[in-house]
Amino acid sequence: MRRPATQAGLRRKVVALIGAATLLTSLMTVLTPSAASATPPNIPSASTAASRLASLTVAAESHQSTYDRALFPHWITQSGTCDTRETVLKRDGTSVVTNSSCQATSGTWVSPYDGATWHAASDVDIDHMVPLAEAWRSGAWAWTTARRQTYANDLGGPELWAVTDNVNQAKGDQDPSTWKPSLGSFWCVYARAWIQVKWFYGLSLQSSEKTALQSMLNIC
């Protein structure tokens, strides 16, 4: 005949169950990857960005009619069979699985521009923070093809971002005076990254563009 559980015995069982549940929750937190977008390198602080913005040359854009996307060779091979697009997809995604050709067959990507989450690489574009056409109009028209290739495939700075494809298409070649990410909380990072790219490559900016960037920095 089973003896009835004592109050102390019941208390010990409850404590043990709570402990087991807490341990399970902790393990799930460790073992389950978070779906977060990676941040490209070398984004300056707000104060550094403000200083660099002040140093940029303000000038009217030029050579717009001579722009051709083919003048910026991409995507180039980065390592093995992986080109620049595939490298950014792996960098910015979570649990990314690739095939023998380095193409992403599965994974999770969170677009910093709109906060949307995607599980298919086909839904993700690799955006040039400062669009190629914008760079061309701001001084890249005078560069060598080799320098334009470096720019279009730059993994060392905040130029390349994995984002929702139709958001990237809506952005097109616009600067911050006419287009901003729908996620307002990202404006500070967006402005700092944009300024860094223009500063690093010695590109000019328009007066309206500068005003928009200053306004975005104000929320940092």
Protein backbone atom coordinates (compact mmCIF):
# COMPACT_ATOMS: atom_id res chain seq x y z
CA MET A 1 0.00 0.00 0.00
CA ARG A 2 1.42 3.41 -1.06
CA ARG A 3 1.95 5.87 1.72
CA PRO A 4 0.38 9.31 1.12
CA ALA A 5 2.87 12.00 0.12
CA THR A 6 3.84 14.32 2.89
CA GLN A 7 3.66 18.10 2.49
CA ALA A 8 7.46 18.28 2.65
CA GLY A 9 7.77 15.59 -0.02
CA LEU A 10 5.39 17.43 -2.33
CA ARG A 11 7.33 20.64 -1.81
CA ARG A 12 10.60 18.92 -2.80
CA LYS A 13 9.00 17.55 -5.99
CA VAL A 14 7.66 20.97 -6.95
CA VAL A 15 11.07 22.56 -6.39
CA ALA A 16 12.71 19.83 -8.47
CA LEU A 17 10.23 20.31 -11.32
CA ILE A 18 10.75 24.08 -11.32
CA GLY A 19 14.51 23.55 -11.38
CA ALA A 20 14.24 21.15 -14.32
CA ALA A 21 12.03 23.57 -16.24
CA THR A 22 14.45 26.44 -15.62
CA LEU A 23 17.38 24.32 -16.82
CA LEU A 24 15.45 23.30 -19.96
CA THR A 25 14.62 26.93 -20.70
CA SER A 26 18.27 27.91 -20.30
CA LEU A 27 19.40 25.14 -22.62
CA MET A 28 16.85 26.14 -25.25
CA THR A 29 18.08 29.73 -25.05
CA VAL A 30 21.67 28.60 -25.61
CA LEU A 31 20.93 26.04 -28.31
CA THR A 32 18.32 27.99 -30.29
CA PRO A 33 19.98 30.62 -32.52
CA SER A 34 18.46 34.07 -32.48
CA ALA A 35 17.21 35.48 -35.75
CA ALA A 36 19.17 38.70 -35.78
CA SER A 37 20.82 40.54 -38.62
CA ALA A 38 24.56 40.96 -38.46
CA THR A 39 26.09 44.42 -38.50
CA PRO A 40 28.76 45.16 -41.13
CA PRO A 41 32.11 46.36 -39.77
CA ASN A 42 33.57 49.83 -39.21
CA ILE A 43 30.43 51.85 -38.53
CA PRO A 44 31.62 55.00 -36.72
CA SER A 45 30.13 56.42 -33.56
CA ALA A 46 27.60 59.23 -33.93
CA SER A 47 30.16 61.86 -32.91
CA THR A 48 32.77 60.56 -35.37
CA ALA A 49 30.13 60.37 -38.10
CA ALA A 50 29.11 63.97 -37.41
CA SER A 51 32.74 65.07 -37.70
CA ARG A 52 33.19 63.19 -40.95
CA LEU A 53 29.94 64.56 -42.33
CA ALA A 54 31.20 68.09 -41.69
CA SER A 55 34.38 67.33 -43.64
CA LEU A 56 32.63 66.06 -46.78
CA THR A 57 32.52 68.23 -49.88
CA VAL A 58 29.08 69.56 -50.74
CA ALA A 59 28.63 69.68 -54.50
CA ALA A 60 26.06 69.15 -57.23
CA GLU A 61 25.96 65.69 -58.74
CA SER A 62 27.28 65.15 -62.28
CA HIS A 63 27.77 62.61 -65.09
CA GLN A 64 24.39 61.02 -64.41
CA SER A 65 23.76 60.28 -68.09
CA THR A 66 26.94 58.21 -68.40
CA TYR A 67 26.20 55.80 -65.53
CA ASP A 68 26.21 52.09 -66.32
CA ARG A 69 25.93 49.41 -63.62
CA ALA A 70 28.40 47.27 -65.57
CA LEU A 71 31.09 49.84 -64.74
CA PHE A 72 31.05 48.41 -61.18
CA PRO A 73 32.01 44.72 -61.67
CA HIS A 74 30.25 42.49 -59.12
CA TRP A 75 29.72 40.01 -57.62
CA ILE A 76 33.34 38.84 -57.60
CA THR A 77 34.73 35.67 -55.99
CA GLN A 78 35.75 36.19 -52.38
CA SER A 79 36.97 32.72 -51.40
CA GLY A 80 36.61 29.24 -52.87
CA THR A 81 33.32 29.16 -54.78
CA CYS A 82 31.78 31.99 -52.73
CA ASP A 83 31.14 35.35 -54.37
CA THR A 84 30.39 38.61 -52.56
CA ARG A 85 26.61 38.12 -52.43
CA GLU A 86 26.95 34.63 -51.00
CA THR A 87 29.51 35.83 -48.47
CA VAL A 88 27.20 38.57 -47.18
CA LEU A 89 24.27 36.16 -47.00
CA LYS A 90 26.34 33.89 -44.76
CA ARG A 91 27.63 36.83 -42.70
CA ASP A 92 24.25 38.44 -42.11
CA GLY A 93 22.09 35.33 -41.75
CA THR A 94 21.46 32.82 -38.98
CA SER A 95 21.88 29.05 -39.44
CA VAL A 96 22.71 29.51 -43.11
CA VAL A 97 23.21 26.25 -45.03
CA THR A 98 24.97 26.35 -48.40
CA ASN A 99 25.48 23.82 -51.18
CA SER A 100 28.73 22.90 -52.93
CA SER A 101 28.42 26.03 -55.08
CA CYS A 102 28.14 28.23 -51.95
CA GLN A 103 24.52 29.08 -52.69
CA ALA A 104 22.37 29.50 -49.57
CA THR A 105 19.77 26.73 -49.49
CA SER A 106 18.27 27.68 -46.13
CA GLY A 107 18.70 30.15 -43.30
CA THR A 108 17.09 33.12 -41.59
CA TRP A 109 17.64 36.76 -42.46
CA VAL A 110 16.28 39.83 -40.65
CA SER A 111 16.24 42.95 -42.79
CA PRO A 112 17.43 45.98 -40.78
CA TYR A 113 15.57 48.37 -43.09
CA ASP A 114 12.07 47.07 -42.29
CA GLY A 115 12.51 44.41 -39.60
CA ALA A 116 11.10 41.66 -41.83
CA THR A 117 12.30 38.07 -41.38
CA TRP A 118 12.99 35.83 -44.39
CA HIS A 119 13.83 32.15 -44.72
CA ALA A 120 14.65 32.04 -48.43
CA ALA A 121 17.73 33.70 -49.91
CA SER A 122 15.67 34.63 -52.96
CA ASP A 123 13.73 37.09 -50.79
CA VAL A 124 16.93 38.91 -49.82
CA ASP A 125 18.95 41.44 -51.82
CA ILE A 126 22.44 42.64 -51.01
CA ASP A 127 22.07 46.42 -50.90
CA HIS A 128 24.86 48.90 -51.48
CA MET A 129 24.38 51.38 -48.64
CA VAL A 130 25.44 54.18 -50.99
CA PRO A 131 23.99 52.95 -54.30
CA LEU A 132 26.31 52.47 -57.25
CA ALA A 133 24.55 55.15 -59.30
CA GLU A 134 24.71 57.57 -56.37
CA ALA A 135 28.42 56.87 -55.98
CA TRP A 136 28.91 57.46 -59.71
CA ARG A 137 27.20 60.86 -59.56
CA SER A 138 29.20 61.76 -56.44
CA GLY A 139 32.64 61.16 -57.90
CA ALA A 140 33.04 57.49 -58.84
CA TRP A 141 32.74 58.48 -62.51
CA ALA A 142 36.40 59.51 -62.27
CA TRP A 143 37.60 56.24 -60.72
CA THR A 144 39.35 53.35 -62.39
CA THR A 145 37.36 50.19 -63.02
CA ALA A 146 39.48 48.43 -60.40
CA ARG A 147 38.48 50.95 -57.74
CA ARG A 148 34.82 50.67 -58.72
CA GLN A 149 35.08 46.89 -58.42
CA THR A 150 36.56 47.26 -54.93
CA TYR A 151 33.72 49.59 -53.97
CA ALA A 152 30.99 47.30 -55.30
CA ASN A 153 32.34 44.30 -53.38
CA ASP A 154 33.59 45.99 -50.20
CA LEU A 155 33.30 43.71 -47.16
CA GLY A 156 35.61 45.82 -44.99
CA GLY A 157 33.14 48.63 -44.30
CA PRO A 158 29.39 49.19 -43.93
CA GLU A 159 28.64 49.22 -47.67
CA LEU A 160 26.86 45.87 -48.11
CA TRP A 161 23.66 44.85 -46.27
CA ALA A 162 21.30 41.88 -46.60
CA VAL A 163 17.80 43.40 -46.85
CA THR A 164 14.29 42.66 -48.08
CA ASP A 165 14.44 42.54 -51.88
CA ASN A 166 11.48 44.81 -52.66
CA VAL A 167 12.65 47.35 -50.07
CA ASN A 168 16.02 47.49 -51.81
CA GLN A 169 14.25 47.95 -55.14
CA ALA A 170 12.11 50.76 -53.68
CA LYS A 171 15.26 52.49 -52.43
CA GLY A 172 16.85 52.30 -55.88
CA ASP A 173 19.58 54.93 -56.23
CA GLN A 174 18.04 57.45 -53.81
CA ASP A 175 19.93 59.24 -51.05
CA PRO A 176 18.55 59.96 -47.53
CA SER A 177 16.89 63.20 -48.65
CA THR A 178 14.33 61.19 -50.64
CA TRP A 179 14.41 57.71 -49.05
CA LYS A 180 14.83 56.38 -45.51
CA PRO A 181 14.30 52.90 -44.04
CA SER A 182 10.75 52.39 -42.74
CA LEU A 183 12.24 51.27 -39.41
CA GLY A 184 12.92 54.61 -37.73
CA SER A 185 15.01 52.98 -35.01
CA PHE A 186 17.57 52.12 -37.71
CA TRP A 187 18.02 55.69 -38.95
CA CYS A 188 20.95 56.41 -36.65
CA VAL A 189 22.90 53.39 -37.92
CA TYR A 190 21.84 54.12 -41.50
CA ALA A 191 23.18 57.68 -41.35
CA ARG A 192 26.44 56.64 -39.70
CA ALA A 193 27.02 53.89 -42.28
CA TRP A 194 26.15 56.18 -45.23
CA ILE A 195 28.51 58.89 -43.98
CA GLN A 196 31.31 56.36 -43.44
CA VAL A 197 31.08 55.07 -47.01
CA LYS A 198 31.09 58.55 -48.51
CA TRP A 199 33.95 59.67 -46.26
CA PHE A 200 36.09 56.57 -46.82
CA TYR A 201 35.78 56.80 -50.59
CA GLY A 202 36.04 60.58 -50.80
CA LEU A 203 32.63 61.05 -52.38
CA SER A 204 30.77 64.35 -52.35
CA LEU A 205 27.19 64.93 -51.20
CA GLN A 206 24.39 67.34 -51.97
CA SER A 207 23.16 70.00 -49.55
CA SER A 208 19.76 68.28 -49.13
CA GLU A 209 21.50 64.97 -48.49
CA LYS A 210 23.68 66.54 -45.79
CA THR A 211 20.66 68.08 -44.08
CA ALA A 212 18.84 64.73 -44.07
CA LEU A 213 21.87 62.96 -42.61
CA GLN A 214 22.25 65.56 -39.86
CA SER A 215 18.58 65.10 -38.97
CA MET A 216 19.01 61.32 -38.78
CA LEU A 217 22.09 61.66 -36.59
CA ASN A 218 20.04 63.71 -34.14
CA ILE A 219 18.15 60.59 -33.05
CA CYS A 220 21.31 58.70 -32.12
